[in-house]
Amino acid sequence: MVPLRFVPPVLLVLFLVGFLSERVGAQGKPEKDKIRIGYAARAVTHSIPFVANEAGFFRDEGLQVEVVRTAGAVSPMVLISGDSDFATMSAYLLIPVSVRNREVVMLGGLTRYASMTLVSRPEIRSAKELRGGIIGLQRPGDAYEKNARSALEHLKLNPDKDVKFLYLGTNDAMWIALEARRVSATMVSPPATLFARKAGMNFLVDLSELKIEYQGSTFATRRSVIKNYPNLTLRMVRAMVRGVHLFKTRREEAHKILAKFLGTRDPEALEESWKYGADMPAKPYPVDSAVQAVLNHLAEGDPKYAQFKPGEFIESGPLAELDKSGYIDRLYAAPGK
């Protein structure tokens, strides 16, 4: 080995720059100028990237983030294409895409239990009165239908015999159909629950009270992002965890940010939404049994999903690293931070 004193200064500088670049790269330095996070729906549980961004938590991590709407089934495709680097979406959307393209994976889980509410028109107050009625839903076989079936079974109704389903495409269309008496009942979540209550609708089943496991909103990325940018991924997860913490513990700030995200200044609607979202886990791990429930649901329409295990769609390493460091425990031990 040549002693350093015999190496020309220019070569020595180049060597050190290269060495340091390798070291930084190995640690996963964020090399992107801008990171884009997509969210699949303007729903409370998909708001956390928006909350974290508005609160400056990504900026605190040295990251420049753009949070964009990537509606419904578009969300996982935008993630695969590289037009977004991270995204919130339901496990129901994520898993089929991940089966086709193993790049897509869950980093975190924001909801563990089915949480929609079956609401009916004012004159329909019981399961008996709902029998023979029409249930307004989004699309055949989706999570709304799964939730509706669970609610109907809780009421001792046979979803395939005692009611009919009418597929309307969007939440707005479902609500309009209920108000116009085109359907007897539909599934809602906050803030629509407030509007339903004010309109005199009846709340037949609140699934959140039944603790039916079903992995809803997840925080997702590509496996290549985790591999190539581990430090970036850890920073993103830390900012998301701070977003959850703010939502759960700083109500007034959460209200202000939700007002922007949901497009409403109605204080009752914001409070309804906050109460709904405040149940998010402080340590947002995806839950194997809840993911299995989604696999079981998907297998009802396509048996191939029965061969997969929840762990094939989960990468909790970055969250576990943050958890083991004590960061999350310290966050909740110091209110207001």
C-alpha atoms as a PDB file:
ATOM      1  CA  MET A   1       0.000   0.000   0.000  1.00  0.00           C
ATOM      2  CA  VAL A   2       1.326   3.432  -0.988  1.00  0.00           C
ATOM      3  CA  PRO A   3       1.792   5.772   2.024  1.00  0.00           C
ATOM      4  CA  LEU A   4      -0.560   8.765   1.876  1.00  0.00           C
ATOM      5  CA  ARG A   5       2.399  11.179   1.914  1.00  0.00           C
ATOM      6  CA  PHE A   6       3.368   9.941  -1.578  1.00  0.00           C
ATOM      7  CA  VAL A   7      -0.144  10.374  -3.056  1.00  0.00           C
ATOM      8  CA  PRO A   8      -0.602  13.610  -5.101  1.00  0.00           C
ATOM      9  CA  PRO A   9      -3.009  16.021  -3.320  1.00  0.00           C
ATOM     10  CA  VAL A  10      -5.513  16.062  -6.198  1.00  0.00           C
ATOM     11  CA  LEU A  11      -5.781  12.268  -6.210  1.00  0.00           C
ATOM     12  CA  LEU A  12      -6.093  12.241  -2.442  1.00  0.00           C
ATOM     13  CA  VAL A  13      -9.018  14.671  -2.603  1.00  0.00           C
ATOM     14  CA  LEU A  14     -10.726  12.590  -5.299  1.00  0.00           C
ATOM     15  CA  PHE A  15     -10.226   9.440  -3.233  1.00  0.00           C
ATOM     16  CA  LEU A  16     -11.745  11.036  -0.129  1.00  0.00           C
ATOM     17  CA  VAL A  17     -14.715  12.421  -2.055  1.00  0.00           C
ATOM     18  CA  GLY A  18     -15.395   9.005  -3.555  1.00  0.00           C
ATOM     19  CA  PHE A  19     -15.012   7.288  -0.190  1.00  0.00           C
ATOM     20  CA  LEU A  20     -17.381   9.696   1.537  1.00  0.00           C
ATOM     21  CA  SER A  21     -19.887   9.411  -1.302  1.00  0.00           C
ATOM     22  CA  GLU A  22     -19.924   5.644  -0.920  1.00  0.00           C
ATOM     23  CA  ARG A  23     -20.385   5.962   2.839  1.00  0.00           C
ATOM     24  CA  VAL A  24     -23.274   8.412   2.456  1.00  0.00           C
ATOM     25  CA  GLY A  25     -24.879   6.274  -0.241  1.00  0.00           C
ATOM     26  CA  ALA A  26     -24.659   3.207   1.967  1.00  0.00           C
ATOM     27  CA  GLN A  27     -26.505   5.095   4.653  1.00  0.00           C
ATOM     28  CA  GLY A  28     -29.277   5.885   2.212  1.00  0.00           C
ATOM     29  CA  LYS A  29     -28.821   9.615   1.639  1.00  0.00           C
ATOM     30  CA  PRO A  30     -31.966  11.105   0.067  1.00  0.00           C
ATOM     31  CA  GLU A  31     -30.671  12.015  -3.400  1.00  0.00           C
ATOM     32  CA  LYS A  32     -34.030  13.164  -4.780  1.00  0.00           C
ATOM     33  CA  ASP A  33     -34.750  16.896  -4.874  1.00  0.00           C
ATOM     34  CA  LYS A  34     -38.440  16.305  -4.321  1.00  0.00           C
ATOM     35  CA  ILE A  35     -40.385  13.362  -2.889  1.00  0.00           C
ATOM     36  CA  ARG A  36     -43.984  12.813  -3.916  1.00  0.00           C
ATOM     37  CA  ILE A  37     -46.545  11.089  -1.690  1.00  0.00           C
ATOM     38  CA  GLY A  38     -49.887  10.045  -3.113  1.00  0.00           C
ATOM     39  CA  TYR A  39     -53.117   9.497  -1.212  1.00  0.00           C
ATOM     40  CA  ALA A  40     -55.896   7.336  -2.617  1.00  0.00           C
ATOM     41  CA  ALA A  41     -58.907   9.117  -1.137  1.00  0.00           C
ATOM     42  CA  ARG A  42     -59.889  12.299   0.672  1.00  0.00           C
ATOM     43  CA  ALA A  43     -60.596  10.264   3.770  1.00  0.00           C
ATOM     44  CA  VAL A  44     -59.500  10.931   7.339  1.00  0.00           C
ATOM     45  CA  THR A  45     -57.181   7.927   7.564  1.00  0.00           C
ATOM     46  CA  HIS A  46     -55.426   8.965   4.333  1.00  0.00           C
ATOM     47  CA  SER A  47     -54.722  12.453   5.668  1.00  0.00           C
ATOM     48  CA  ILE A  48     -51.530  11.710   7.623  1.00  0.00           C
ATOM     49  CA  PRO A  49     -49.031  12.638   4.855  1.00  0.00           C
ATOM     50  CA  PHE A  50     -50.921  15.923   4.434  1.00  0.00           C
ATOM     51  CA  VAL A  51     -50.887  16.487   8.208  1.00  0.00           C
ATOM     52  CA  ALA A  52     -47.153  15.761   8.431  1.00  0.00           C
ATOM     53  CA  ASN A  53     -46.416  18.059   5.510  1.00  0.00           C
ATOM     54  CA  GLU A  54     -48.539  20.950   6.797  1.00  0.00           C
ATOM     55  CA  ALA A  55     -46.907  20.640  10.223  1.00  0.00           C
ATOM     56  CA  GLY A  56     -43.414  20.832   8.686  1.00  0.00           C
ATOM     57  CA  PHE A  57     -42.334  17.364   9.808  1.00  0.00           C
ATOM     58  CA  PHE A  58     -40.897  16.396   6.414  1.00  0.00           C
ATOM     59  CA  ARG A  59     -39.044  19.692   6.316  1.00  0.00           C
ATOM     60  CA  ASP A  60     -37.620  18.892   9.745  1.00  0.00           C
ATOM     61  CA  GLU A  61     -36.215  15.718   8.195  1.00  0.00           C
ATOM     62  CA  GLY A  62     -34.516  17.706   5.430  1.00  0.00           C
ATOM     63  CA  LEU A  63     -37.020  16.519   2.832  1.00  0.00           C
ATOM     64  CA  GLN A  64     -38.995  18.440   0.232  1.00  0.00           C
ATOM     65  CA  VAL A  65     -42.350  16.701  -0.145  1.00  0.00           C
ATOM     66  CA  GLU A  66     -45.325  17.145  -2.441  1.00  0.00           C
ATOM     67  CA  VAL A  67     -48.559  15.450  -1.330  1.00  0.00           C
ATOM     68  CA  VAL A  68     -50.862  14.689  -4.268  1.00  0.00           C
ATOM     69  CA  ARG A  69     -54.239  13.017  -4.806  1.00  0.00           C
ATOM     70  CA  THR A  70     -53.889   9.726  -6.701  1.00  0.00           C
ATOM     71  CA  ALA A  71     -57.472   8.565  -6.596  1.00  0.00           C
ATOM     72  CA  GLY A  72     -58.535   4.975  -6.031  1.00  0.00           C
ATOM     73  CA  ALA A  73     -56.995   2.268  -8.202  1.00  0.00           C
ATOM     74  CA  VAL A  74     -54.662   4.863  -9.753  1.00  0.00           C
ATOM     75  CA  SER A  75     -52.666   5.117  -6.520  1.00  0.00           C
ATOM     76  CA  PRO A  76     -50.719   1.829  -6.702  1.00  0.00           C
ATOM     77  CA  MET A  77     -50.080   2.311 -10.426  1.00  0.00           C
ATOM     78  CA  VAL A  78     -48.613   5.769  -9.823  1.00  0.00           C
ATOM     79  CA  LEU A  79     -46.385   4.205  -7.160  1.00  0.00           C
ATOM     80  CA  ILE A  80     -45.166   1.490  -9.552  1.00  0.00           C
ATOM     81  CA  SER A  81     -44.462   3.997 -12.306  1.00  0.00           C
ATOM     82  CA  GLY A  82     -42.259   6.046  -9.984  1.00  0.00           C
ATOM     83  CA  ASP A  83     -44.476   9.130 -10.226  1.00  0.00           C
ATOM     84  CA  SER A  84     -44.902   8.812  -6.466  1.00  0.00           C
ATOM     85  CA  ASP A  85     -42.397   7.354  -4.019  1.00  0.00           C
ATOM     86  CA  PHE A  86     -44.759   6.691  -1.127  1.00  0.00           C
ATOM     87  CA  ALA A  87     -48.541   6.511  -0.856  1.00  0.00           C
ATOM     88  CA  THR A  88     -51.478   5.888   1.425  1.00  0.00           C
ATOM     89  CA  MET A  89     -53.978   3.382   0.056  1.00  0.00           C
ATOM     90  CA  SER A  90     -56.154   0.555   1.294  1.00  0.00           C
ATOM     91  CA  ALA A  91     -54.733  -2.945   1.566  1.00  0.00           C
ATOM     92  CA  TYR A  92     -57.584  -3.977  -0.726  1.00  0.00           C
ATOM     93  CA  LEU A  93     -56.028  -1.818  -3.473  1.00  0.00           C
ATOM     94  CA  LEU A  94     -52.422  -2.650  -2.631  1.00  0.00           C
ATOM     95  CA  ILE A  95     -52.466  -6.445  -2.475  1.00  0.00           C
ATOM     96  CA  PRO A  96     -53.709  -7.247  -6.015  1.00  0.00           C
ATOM     97  CA  VAL A  97     -51.121  -4.899  -7.492  1.00  0.00           C
ATOM     98  CA  SER A  98     -48.393  -6.315  -5.259  1.00  0.00           C
ATOM     99  CA  VAL A  99     -49.266  -9.835  -6.435  1.00  0.00           C
ATOM    100  CA  ARG A 100     -48.563  -8.712 -10.000  1.00  0.00           C
ATOM    101  CA  ASN A 101     -45.608  -6.483  -9.141  1.00  0.00           C
ATOM    102  CA  ARG A 102     -43.753  -7.469  -5.971  1.00  0.00           C
ATOM    103  CA  GLU A 103     -42.242  -3.988  -5.725  1.00  0.00           C
ATOM    104  CA  VAL A 104     -45.268  -2.589  -3.875  1.00  0.00           C
ATOM    105  CA  VAL A 105     -45.194  -3.164  -0.122  1.00  0.00           C
ATOM    106  CA  MET A 106     -46.743  -1.855   3.117  1.00  0.00           C
ATOM    107  CA  LEU A 107     -44.532   0.147   5.456  1.00  0.00           C
ATOM    108  CA  GLY A 108     -47.299   0.866   7.946  1.00  0.00           C
ATOM    109  CA  GLY A 109     -50.952   0.324   8.736  1.00  0.00           C
ATOM    110  CA  LEU A 110     -53.207   3.186   9.821  1.00  0.00           C
ATOM    111  CA  THR A 111     -56.437   1.266  10.420  1.00  0.00           C
ATOM    112  CA  ARG A 112     -56.829  -2.281  11.720  1.00  0.00           C
ATOM    113  CA  TYR A 113     -60.603  -2.651  11.995  1.00  0.00           C
ATOM    114  CA  ALA A 114     -63.581  -2.208   9.690  1.00  0.00           C
ATOM    115  CA  SER A 115     -64.970   1.190  10.606  1.00  0.00           C
ATOM    116  CA  MET A 116     -67.790   2.205   8.263  1.00  0.00           C
ATOM    117  CA  THR A 117     -71.382   2.737   9.361  1.00  0.00           C
ATOM    118  CA  LEU A 118     -74.522   1.369   7.718  1.00  0.00           C
ATOM    119  CA  VAL A 119     -77.062   4.206   7.627  1.00  0.00           C
ATOM    120  CA  SER A 120     -80.640   4.040   6.352  1.00  0.00           C
ATOM    121  CA  ARG A 121     -83.379   6.475   5.406  1.00  0.00           C
ATOM    122  CA  PRO A 122     -85.371   7.959   8.329  1.00  0.00           C
ATOM    123  CA  GLU A 123     -88.344   5.629   7.859  1.00  0.00           C
ATOM    124  CA  ILE A 124     -86.162   2.494   7.993  1.00  0.00           C
ATOM    125  CA  ARG A 125     -85.374   1.877  11.633  1.00  0.00           C
ATOM    126  CA  SER A 126     -84.688  -1.861  11.859  1.00  0.00           C
ATOM    127  CA  ALA A 127     -83.392  -4.897  10.023  1.00  0.00           C
ATOM    128  CA  LYS A 128     -86.954  -6.003   9.374  1.00  0.00           C
ATOM    129  CA  GLU A 129     -87.748  -2.722   7.618  1.00  0.00           C
ATOM    130  CA  LEU A 130     -84.521  -2.919   5.605  1.00  0.00           C
ATOM    131  CA  ARG A 131     -85.374  -6.378   4.229  1.00  0.00           C
ATOM    132  CA  GLY A 132     -86.167  -6.125   0.513  1.00  0.00           C
ATOM    133  CA  GLY A 133     -84.400  -2.766   0.239  1.00  0.00           C
ATOM    134  CA  ILE A 134     -81.556  -1.534  -1.957  1.00  0.00           C
ATOM    135  CA  ILE A 135     -78.073  -0.849  -0.568  1.00  0.00           C
ATOM    136  CA  GLY A 136     -76.049   1.815  -2.383  1.00  0.00           C
ATOM    137  CA  LEU A 137     -72.362   0.906  -2.806  1.00  0.00           C
ATOM    138  CA  GLN A 138     -69.346   1.886  -4.897  1.00  0.00           C
ATOM    139  CA  ARG A 139     -68.157  -1.110  -6.958  1.00  0.00           C
ATOM    140  CA  PRO A 140     -68.839  -4.864  -6.967  1.00  0.00           C
ATOM    141  CA  GLY A 141     -66.688  -6.789  -4.506  1.00  0.00           C
ATOM    142  CA  ASP A 142     -64.832  -3.794  -3.083  1.00  0.00           C
ATOM    143  CA  ALA A 143     -64.213  -2.900   0.574  1.00  0.00           C
ATOM    144  CA  TYR A 144     -67.522  -1.019   0.783  1.00  0.00           C
ATOM    145  CA  GLU A 145     -69.390  -4.152  -0.222  1.00  0.00           C
ATOM    146  CA  LYS A 146     -67.362  -6.238   2.240  1.00  0.00           C
ATOM    147  CA  ASN A 147     -68.252  -3.800   5.020  1.00  0.00           C
ATOM    148  CA  ALA A 148     -71.908  -3.787   3.981  1.00  0.00           C
ATOM    149  CA  ARG A 149     -72.053  -7.580   4.035  1.00  0.00           C
ATOM    150  CA  SER A 150     -70.554  -7.642   7.536  1.00  0.00           C
ATOM    151  CA  ALA A 151     -73.108  -5.081   8.729  1.00  0.00           C
ATOM    152  CA  LEU A 152     -76.032  -6.952   7.157  1.00  0.00           C
ATOM    153  CA  GLU A 153     -74.897 -10.259   8.640  1.00  0.00           C
ATOM    154  CA  HIS A 154     -74.711  -8.564  12.045  1.00  0.00           C
ATOM    155  CA  LEU A 155     -78.371  -7.636  11.530  1.00  0.00           C
ATOM    156  CA  LYS A 156     -79.126 -11.318  10.739  1.00  0.00           C
ATOM    157  CA  LEU A 157     -79.878 -10.474   7.105  1.00  0.00           C
ATOM    158  CA  ASN A 158     -78.654 -12.527   4.151  1.00  0.00           C
ATOM    159  CA  PRO A 159     -76.818 -10.084   1.820  1.00  0.00           C
ATOM    160  CA  ASP A 160     -77.548 -12.283  -1.211  1.00  0.00           C
ATOM    161  CA  LYS A 161     -81.257 -12.800  -0.546  1.00  0.00           C
ATOM    162  CA  ASP A 162     -82.691 -10.137   1.744  1.00  0.00           C
ATOM    163  CA  VAL A 163     -81.394  -7.004  -0.043  1.00  0.00           C
ATOM    164  CA  LYS A 164     -80.150  -5.853  -3.428  1.00  0.00           C
ATOM    165  CA  PHE A 165     -76.942  -3.933  -4.144  1.00  0.00           C
ATOM    166  CA  LEU A 166     -76.834  -0.913  -6.453  1.00  0.00           C
ATOM    167  CA  TYR A 167     -73.336   0.114  -7.539  1.00  0.00           C
ATOM    168  CA  LEU A 168     -72.981   3.875  -7.927  1.00  0.00           C
ATOM    169  CA  GLY A 169     -69.235   4.453  -8.318  1.00  0.00           C
ATOM    170  CA  THR A 170     -68.476   7.150  -5.741  1.00  0.00           C
ATOM    171  CA  ASN A 171     -69.201   8.179  -2.156  1.00  0.00           C
ATOM    172  CA  ASP A 172     -70.944  11.327  -3.379  1.00  0.00           C
ATOM    173  CA  ALA A 173     -73.244   9.327  -5.638  1.00  0.00           C
ATOM    174  CA  MET A 174     -74.047   6.937  -2.778  1.00  0.00           C
ATOM    175  CA  TRP A 175     -75.073   9.825  -0.523  1.00  0.00           C
ATOM    176  CA  ILE A 176     -77.106  11.563  -3.235  1.00  0.00           C
ATOM    177  CA  ALA A 177     -78.946   8.304  -3.935  1.00  0.00           C
ATOM    178  CA  LEU A 178     -79.784   7.920  -0.237  1.00  0.00           C
ATOM    179  CA  GLU A 179     -81.115  11.476   0.016  1.00  0.00           C
ATOM    180  CA  ALA A 180     -83.106  11.011  -3.201  1.00  0.00           C
ATOM    181  CA  ARG A 181     -84.613   7.755  -1.868  1.00  0.00           C
ATOM    182  CA  ARG A 182     -83.131   5.717  -4.724  1.00  0.00           C
ATOM    183  CA  VAL A 183     -81.540   3.437  -2.124  1.00  0.00           C
ATOM    184  CA  SER A 184     -82.656   2.329   1.315  1.00  0.00           C
ATOM    185  CA  ALA A 185     -79.232   2.451   2.963  1.00  0.00           C
ATOM    186  CA  THR A 186     -75.555   2.986   2.300  1.00  0.00           C
ATOM    187  CA  MET A 187     -72.146   2.863   3.998  1.00  0.00           C
ATOM    188  CA  VAL A 188     -70.582   6.089   5.309  1.00  0.00           C
ATOM    189  CA  SER A 189     -67.621   7.257   7.363  1.00  0.00           C
ATOM    190  CA  PRO A 190     -66.818  10.681   8.901  1.00  0.00           C
ATOM    191  CA  PRO A 191     -67.524  13.435   8.123  1.00  0.00           C
ATOM    192  CA  ALA A 192     -70.493  11.982   6.187  1.00  0.00           C
ATOM    193  CA  THR A 193     -71.728  10.444   9.438  1.00  0.00           C
ATOM    194  CA  LEU A 194     -72.435  13.964  10.720  1.00  0.00           C
ATOM    195  CA  PHE A 195     -74.413  14.864   7.612  1.00  0.00           C
ATOM    196  CA  ALA A 196     -76.347  11.618   7.948  1.00  0.00           C
ATOM    197  CA  ARG A 197     -77.184  12.389  11.568  1.00  0.00           C
ATOM    198  CA  LYS A 198     -78.332  15.927  10.715  1.00  0.00           C
ATOM    199  CA  ALA A 199     -80.471  14.562   7.878  1.00  0.00           C
ATOM    200  CA  GLY A 200     -82.257  12.248  10.291  1.00  0.00           C
ATOM    201  CA  MET A 201     -80.837   9.024   8.875  1.00  0.00           C
ATOM    202  CA  ASN A 202     -80.785   5.962  11.117  1.00  0.00           C
ATOM    203  CA  PHE A 203     -77.507   4.376  12.180  1.00  0.00           C
ATOM    204  CA  LEU A 204     -78.154   0.657  11.927  1.00  0.00           C
ATOM    205  CA  VAL A 205     -74.639  -0.735  12.424  1.00  0.00           C
ATOM    206  CA  ASP A 206     -71.404   1.008  13.438  1.00  0.00           C
ATOM    207  CA  LEU A 207     -68.751  -1.514  12.442  1.00  0.00           C
ATOM    208  CA  SER A 208     -66.092   0.191  14.579  1.00  0.00           C
ATOM    209  CA  GLU A 209     -67.936  -1.095  17.649  1.00  0.00           C
ATOM    210  CA  LEU A 210     -67.706  -4.703  16.448  1.00  0.00           C
ATOM    211  CA  LYS A 211     -63.879  -4.838  16.166  1.00  0.00           C
ATOM    212  CA  ILE A 212     -63.915  -6.772  12.901  1.00  0.00           C
ATOM    213  CA  GLU A 213     -60.323  -6.998  11.724  1.00  0.00           C
ATOM    214  CA  TYR A 214     -59.721  -5.674   8.208  1.00  0.00           C
ATOM    215  CA  GLN A 215     -56.567  -3.787   7.208  1.00  0.00           C
ATOM    216  CA  GLY A 216     -57.768  -0.502   5.754  1.00  0.00           C
ATOM    217  CA  SER A 217     -55.460   2.439   5.091  1.00  0.00           C
ATOM    218  CA  THR A 218     -51.769   1.592   4.697  1.00  0.00           C
ATOM    219  CA  PHE A 219     -48.574   3.559   4.073  1.00  0.00           C
ATOM    220  CA  ALA A 220     -46.818   2.014   1.094  1.00  0.00           C
ATOM    221  CA  THR A 221     -43.704   2.315  -1.042  1.00  0.00           C
ATOM    222  CA  ARG A 222     -41.558   0.295  -3.449  1.00  0.00           C
ATOM    223  CA  ARG A 223     -39.091  -2.300  -2.198  1.00  0.00           C
ATOM    224  CA  SER A 224     -36.409  -0.635  -4.315  1.00  0.00           C
ATOM    225  CA  VAL A 225     -36.918   2.634  -2.408  1.00  0.00           C
ATOM    226  CA  ILE A 226     -36.356   0.842   0.907  1.00  0.00           C
ATOM    227  CA  LYS A 227     -33.266  -0.908  -0.457  1.00  0.00           C
ATOM    228  CA  ASN A 228     -31.683   2.069  -2.212  1.00  0.00           C
ATOM    229  CA  TYR A 229     -32.715   4.814   0.209  1.00  0.00           C
ATOM    230  CA  PRO A 230     -32.960   3.308   3.713  1.00  0.00           C
ATOM    231  CA  ASN A 231     -32.185   6.630   5.387  1.00  0.00           C
ATOM    232  CA  LEU A 232     -34.812   8.402   3.291  1.00  0.00           C
ATOM    233  CA  THR A 233     -37.357   5.703   4.146  1.00  0.00           C
ATOM    234  CA  LEU A 234     -36.614   5.995   7.857  1.00  0.00           C
ATOM    235  CA  ARG A 235     -37.045   9.767   7.712  1.00  0.00           C
ATOM    236  CA  MET A 236     -40.352   9.400   5.914  1.00  0.00           C
ATOM    237  CA  VAL A 237     -41.635   6.910   8.475  1.00  0.00           C
ATOM    238  CA  ARG A 238     -40.506   9.144  11.343  1.00  0.00           C
ATOM    239  CA  ALA A 239     -42.361  12.124   9.879  1.00  0.00           C
ATOM    240  CA  MET A 240     -45.465   9.967   9.397  1.00  0.00           C
ATOM    241  CA  VAL A 241     -45.293   8.787  13.006  1.00  0.00           C
ATOM    242  CA  ARG A 242     -45.087  12.426  14.077  1.00  0.00           C
ATOM    243  CA  GLY A 243     -48.135  13.118  11.896  1.00  0.00           C
ATOM    244  CA  VAL A 244     -50.090  10.413  13.690  1.00  0.00           C
ATOM    245  CA  HIS A 245     -48.931  11.823  17.033  1.00  0.00           C
ATOM    246  CA  LEU A 246     -50.088  15.336  16.143  1.00  0.00           C
ATOM    247  CA  PHE A 247     -53.445  14.022  14.972  1.00  0.00           C
ATOM    248  CA  LYS A 248     -54.005  12.057  18.176  1.00  0.00           C
ATOM    249  CA  THR A 249     -52.723  14.580  20.725  1.00  0.00           C
ATOM    250  CA  ARG A 250     -53.123  18.116  19.290  1.00  0.00           C
ATOM    251  CA  ARG A 251     -56.803  18.400  18.473  1.00  0.00           C
ATOM    252  CA  GLU A 252     -56.967  22.073  17.511  1.00  0.00           C
ATOM    253  CA  GLU A 253     -54.027  21.824  15.116  1.00  0.00           C
ATOM    254  CA  ALA A 254     -55.471  18.639  13.655  1.00  0.00           C
ATOM    255  CA  HIS A 255     -58.802  20.436  13.086  1.00  0.00           C
ATOM    256  CA  LYS A 256     -57.095  23.253  11.172  1.00  0.00           C
ATOM    257  CA  ILE A 257     -55.192  20.870   8.916  1.00  0.00           C
ATOM    258  CA  LEU A 258     -58.213  18.620   8.376  1.00  0.00           C
ATOM    259  CA  ALA A 259     -60.211  21.681   7.308  1.00  0.00           C
ATOM    260  CA  LYS A 260     -57.786  22.118   4.398  1.00  0.00           C
ATOM    261  CA  PHE A 261     -57.626  18.428   3.583  1.00  0.00           C
ATOM    262  CA  LEU A 262     -61.363  17.735   3.702  1.00  0.00           C
ATOM    263  CA  GLY A 263     -62.428  21.119   2.326  1.00  0.00           C
ATOM    264  CA  THR A 264     -64.804  21.979   5.161  1.00  0.00           C
ATOM    265  CA  ARG A 265     -64.790  24.482   8.004  1.00  0.00           C
ATOM    266  CA  ASP A 266     -67.789  22.959   9.753  1.00  0.00           C
ATOM    267  CA  PRO A 267     -66.550  22.534  13.360  1.00  0.00           C
ATOM    268  CA  GLU A 268     -68.888  19.597  13.979  1.00  0.00           C
ATOM    269  CA  ALA A 269     -67.701  17.801  10.854  1.00  0.00           C
ATOM    270  CA  LEU A 270     -64.081  18.376  11.852  1.00  0.00           C
ATOM    271  CA  GLU A 271     -64.688  17.093  15.363  1.00  0.00           C
ATOM    272  CA  GLU A 272     -66.499  14.040  14.005  1.00  0.00           C
ATOM    273  CA  SER A 273     -63.563  13.373  11.688  1.00  0.00           C
ATOM    274  CA  TRP A 274     -61.009  13.910  14.432  1.00  0.00           C
ATOM    275  CA  LYS A 275     -62.711  11.480  16.811  1.00  0.00           C
ATOM    276  CA  TYR A 276     -62.807   8.898  14.052  1.00  0.00           C
ATOM    277  CA  GLY A 277     -59.122   9.290  13.190  1.00  0.00           C
ATOM    278  CA  ALA A 278     -57.809   9.636  16.742  1.00  0.00           C
ATOM    279  CA  ASP A 279     -58.061   5.849  17.138  1.00  0.00           C
ATOM    280  CA  MET A 280     -55.136   5.370  14.764  1.00  0.00           C
ATOM    281  CA  PRO A 281     -52.382   3.357  16.451  1.00  0.00           C
ATOM    282  CA  ALA A 282     -49.440   5.314  17.832  1.00  0.00           C
ATOM    283  CA  LYS A 283     -47.198   2.592  16.420  1.00  0.00           C
ATOM    284  CA  PRO A 284     -48.800   2.057  13.009  1.00  0.00           C
ATOM    285  CA  TYR A 285     -47.712  -1.479  12.207  1.00  0.00           C
ATOM    286  CA  PRO A 286     -49.636  -3.465   9.605  1.00  0.00           C
ATOM    287  CA  VAL A 287     -51.331  -6.354  11.436  1.00  0.00           C
ATOM    288  CA  ASP A 288     -50.976  -9.865   9.985  1.00  0.00           C
ATOM    289  CA  SER A 289     -54.462 -10.967  11.024  1.00  0.00           C
ATOM    290  CA  ALA A 290     -56.036  -7.812   9.559  1.00  0.00           C
ATOM    291  CA  VAL A 291     -54.139  -8.265   6.294  1.00  0.00           C
ATOM    292  CA  GLN A 292     -55.236 -11.905   6.266  1.00  0.00           C
ATOM    293  CA  ALA A 293     -58.843 -10.717   6.437  1.00  0.00           C
ATOM    294  CA  VAL A 294     -58.271  -8.719   3.239  1.00  0.00           C
ATOM    295  CA  LEU A 295     -56.666 -11.755   1.584  1.00  0.00           C
ATOM    296  CA  ASN A 296     -59.688 -13.838   2.581  1.00  0.00           C
ATOM    297  CA  HIS A 297     -61.956 -11.195   1.069  1.00  0.00           C
ATOM    298  CA  LEU A 298     -59.992 -11.131  -2.193  1.00  0.00           C
ATOM    299  CA  ALA A 299     -59.969 -14.936  -2.291  1.00  0.00           C
ATOM    300  CA  GLU A 300     -63.766 -14.915  -2.380  1.00  0.00           C
ATOM    301  CA  GLY A 301     -63.514 -13.446  -5.876  1.00  0.00           C
ATOM    302  CA  ASP A 302     -60.271 -15.119  -6.977  1.00  0.00           C
ATOM    303  CA  PRO A 303     -58.965 -18.283  -5.245  1.00  0.00           C
ATOM    304  CA  LYS A 304     -55.341 -17.452  -6.092  1.00  0.00           C
ATOM    305  CA  TYR A 305     -55.212 -15.025  -3.132  1.00  0.00           C
ATOM    306  CA  ALA A 306     -55.623 -17.933  -0.727  1.00  0.00           C
ATOM    307  CA  GLN A 307     -52.038 -19.033  -1.418  1.00  0.00           C
ATOM    308  CA  PHE A 308     -50.460 -15.817  -0.104  1.00  0.00           C
ATOM    309  CA  LYS A 309     -49.421 -14.943   3.443  1.00  0.00           C
ATOM    310  CA  PRO A 310     -49.715 -11.466   5.031  1.00  0.00           C
ATOM    311  CA  GLY A 311     -45.960 -11.188   5.551  1.00  0.00           C
ATOM    312  CA  GLU A 312     -45.418 -11.211   1.783  1.00  0.00           C
ATOM    313  CA  PHE A 313     -46.946  -7.740   1.598  1.00  0.00           C
ATOM    314  CA  ILE A 314     -45.413  -6.157   4.703  1.00  0.00           C
ATOM    315  CA  GLU A 315     -42.042  -4.522   5.357  1.00  0.00           C
ATOM    316  CA  SER A 316     -42.058  -3.214   8.924  1.00  0.00           C
ATOM    317  CA  GLY A 317     -38.278  -2.915   9.248  1.00  0.00           C
ATOM    318  CA  PRO A 318     -38.055   0.910   9.179  1.00  0.00           C
ATOM    319  CA  LEU A 319     -40.923   1.314  11.662  1.00  0.00           C
ATOM    320  CA  ALA A 320     -39.463  -1.385  13.916  1.00  0.00           C
ATOM    321  CA  GLU A 321     -36.081   0.366  13.836  1.00  0.00           C
ATOM    322  CA  LEU A 322     -37.715   3.614  14.912  1.00  0.00           C
ATOM    323  CA  ASP A 323     -39.724   1.798  17.581  1.00  0.00           C
ATOM    324  CA  LYS A 324     -36.732  -0.045  19.031  1.00  0.00           C
ATOM    325  CA  SER A 325     -34.823   3.230  19.311  1.00  0.00           C
ATOM    326  CA  GLY A 326     -37.482   4.412  21.790  1.00  0.00           C
ATOM    327  CA  TYR A 327     -38.399   7.361  19.567  1.00  0.00           C
ATOM    328  CA  ILE A 328     -42.153   6.718  19.539  1.00  0.00           C
ATOM    329  CA  ASP A 329     -42.333   6.118  23.299  1.00  0.00           C
ATOM    330  CA  ARG A 330     -40.426   9.349  23.927  1.00  0.00           C
ATOM    331  CA  LEU A 331     -42.749  11.209  21.542  1.00  0.00           C
ATOM    332  CA  TYR A 332     -45.814  10.276  23.565  1.00  0.00           C
ATOM    333  CA  ALA A 333     -44.041  10.824  26.879  1.00  0.00           C
ATOM    334  CA  ALA A 334     -43.513  14.472  25.940  1.00  0.00           C
ATOM    335  CA  PRO A 335     -46.952  15.977  25.118  1.00  0.00           C
ATOM    336  CA  GLY A 336     -47.018  19.006  22.873  1.00  0.00           C
ATOM    337  CA  LYS A 337     -43.858  18.156  20.947  1.00  0.00           C
END
